[in-house]
Amino acid sequence: MRQLGELEAEIMHRLWAWGRPATARDVLTDLNKKRPIAYSTVKTVADILYGKGMLRREKEGRAWIYEPTCTRQQYTAALMQEALGSNPDPAGALVSFVEQMSPDEADSLRAALRTAKRRSDA
């Protein structure tokens, strides 16, 4: 899974935050609060995200309703997995990553490891 482009990320972040399906017009209205952008641009990028498997869509009247196919956490995990998988020294990459963490992030990692262990033991 490759990293999202700028507008792709803006669209996905909105859909993840809203937690509900939305039209390209809904996304456009929100994007236009920060910068002007054309409807056709938002619609094209939403269609590209659909083609990449990041969004599913369903016709409602004349409009497509878009919804993410994965959570923000699943997307981030896939990016991390890809980065580790392409590294010849994944353990070294993990050590470097952990060394750059804040104490709160390290606590979150410890909690995630405990949760993963409990799930695998169950």
Protein backbone atom coordinates (compact mmCIF):
# COMPACT_ATOMS: atom_id res chain seq x y z
CA MET A 1 0.00 0.00 0.00
CA ARG A 2 1.51 3.29 -1.01
CA GLN A 3 1.27 6.55 0.87
CA LEU A 4 -1.62 8.80 -0.11
CA GLY A 5 -1.16 11.99 -2.08
CA GLU A 6 -2.07 15.32 -0.47
CA LEU A 7 -5.68 15.55 -1.69
CA GLU A 8 -6.21 11.79 -1.31
CA ALA A 9 -5.13 12.11 2.32
CA GLU A 10 -7.40 15.11 2.92
CA ILE A 11 -10.39 13.19 1.58
CA MET A 12 -9.59 10.05 3.57
CA HIS A 13 -8.96 12.00 6.79
CA ARG A 14 -12.38 13.61 6.51
CA LEU A 15 -14.15 10.33 5.84
CA TRP A 16 -12.32 8.63 8.72
CA ALA A 17 -13.11 11.52 11.08
CA TRP A 18 -16.77 11.67 10.07
CA GLY A 19 -17.26 7.93 10.48
CA ARG A 20 -20.07 7.91 7.93
CA PRO A 21 -20.43 7.61 4.17
CA ALA A 22 -20.36 10.90 2.26
CA THR A 23 -20.68 12.30 -1.24
CA ALA A 24 -17.97 14.13 -3.14
CA ARG A 25 -20.12 17.25 -2.63
CA ASP A 26 -19.96 16.76 1.17
CA VAL A 27 -16.19 16.52 1.00
CA LEU A 28 -15.99 19.53 -1.33
CA THR A 29 -18.05 21.67 1.04
CA ASP A 30 -15.67 20.89 3.89
CA LEU A 31 -12.50 21.32 1.80
CA ASN A 32 -13.73 24.69 0.54
CA LYS A 33 -13.69 26.00 4.12
CA LYS A 34 -9.88 26.01 3.91
CA ARG A 35 -9.14 26.42 0.20
CA PRO A 36 -11.02 26.66 -3.06
CA ILE A 37 -11.13 23.46 -5.06
CA ALA A 38 -13.27 22.28 -7.96
CA TYR A 39 -15.98 19.64 -7.56
CA SER A 40 -14.59 17.75 -10.54
CA THR A 41 -11.20 17.50 -8.82
CA VAL A 42 -12.70 16.05 -5.62
CA LYS A 43 -14.87 13.66 -7.66
CA THR A 44 -11.89 12.49 -9.73
CA VAL A 45 -9.71 11.88 -6.66
CA ALA A 46 -12.56 10.02 -4.90
CA ASP A 47 -12.89 7.82 -8.00
CA ILE A 48 -9.12 7.21 -7.97
CA LEU A 49 -9.33 6.19 -4.29
CA TYR A 50 -12.18 3.85 -5.21
CA GLY A 51 -10.03 2.34 -7.97
CA LYS A 52 -7.18 1.82 -5.50
CA GLY A 53 -9.52 -0.02 -3.15
CA MET A 54 -9.38 2.66 -0.44
CA LEU A 55 -13.06 3.57 -0.85
CA ARG A 56 -16.21 1.64 -1.61
CA ARG A 57 -19.11 3.43 -3.22
CA GLU A 58 -22.81 3.03 -3.62
CA LYS A 59 -25.16 4.94 -5.87
CA GLU A 60 -27.73 7.09 -4.08
CA GLY A 61 -29.90 8.91 -6.57
CA ARG A 62 -27.48 10.49 -9.03
CA ALA A 63 -24.57 10.72 -6.60
CA TRP A 64 -22.02 8.20 -5.39
CA ILE A 65 -21.74 7.76 -1.63
CA TYR A 66 -18.16 6.97 -0.59
CA GLU A 67 -16.98 5.08 2.49
CA PRO A 68 -13.47 3.96 3.53
CA THR A 69 -12.66 0.26 3.14
CA CYS A 70 -10.27 0.35 6.09
CA THR A 71 -9.79 2.34 9.27
CA ARG A 72 -7.11 4.98 9.68
CA GLN A 73 -5.32 2.57 12.04
CA GLN A 74 -5.40 -0.26 9.49
CA TYR A 75 -4.03 2.05 6.79
CA THR A 76 -1.21 3.24 9.06
CA ALA A 77 -0.39 -0.34 10.06
CA ALA A 78 -0.21 -1.38 6.38
CA LEU A 79 2.23 1.48 5.65
CA MET A 80 4.37 0.48 8.62
CA GLN A 81 4.32 -3.20 7.59
CA GLU A 82 5.36 -2.28 4.06
CA ALA A 83 8.23 -0.13 5.34
CA LEU A 84 9.45 -2.91 7.62
CA GLY A 85 9.04 -5.58 4.95
CA SER A 86 11.13 -3.66 2.44
CA ASN A 87 13.95 -3.02 4.94
CA PRO A 88 16.85 -5.50 4.95
CA ASP A 89 17.18 -4.96 8.73
CA PRO A 90 13.64 -4.71 10.15
CA ALA A 91 14.86 -5.15 13.74
CA GLY A 92 17.27 -2.24 13.31
CA ALA A 93 14.52 -0.10 11.80
CA LEU A 94 12.27 -0.89 14.77
CA VAL A 95 15.02 0.03 17.25
CA SER A 96 15.57 3.36 15.47
CA PHE A 97 11.82 3.97 15.45
CA VAL A 98 11.44 3.22 19.16
CA GLU A 99 14.42 5.44 20.04
CA GLN A 100 12.63 8.38 18.42
CA MET A 101 9.39 7.86 20.36
CA SER A 102 8.15 10.17 23.06
CA PRO A 103 7.46 8.61 26.47
CA ASP A 104 3.71 8.70 25.75
CA GLU A 105 4.22 6.96 22.40
CA ALA A 106 6.40 4.31 24.09
CA ASP A 107 3.63 3.74 26.65
CA SER A 108 1.14 3.35 23.79
CA LEU A 109 3.44 0.82 22.13
CA ARG A 110 3.74 -1.19 25.36
CA ALA A 111 -0.04 -1.20 25.73
CA ALA A 112 -0.47 -2.29 22.10
CA LEU A 113 2.02 -5.15 22.58
CA ARG A 114 0.15 -6.31 25.69
CA THR A 115 -3.16 -6.20 23.82
CA ALA A 116 -1.72 -8.11 20.85
CA LYS A 117 -0.27 -10.75 23.18
CA ARG A 118 -3.62 -11.21 24.96
CA ARG A 119 -5.39 -11.62 21.61
CA SER A 120 -2.88 -14.17 20.35
CA ASP A 121 -3.09 -16.14 23.63
CA ALA A 122 -6.89 -16.29 23.48
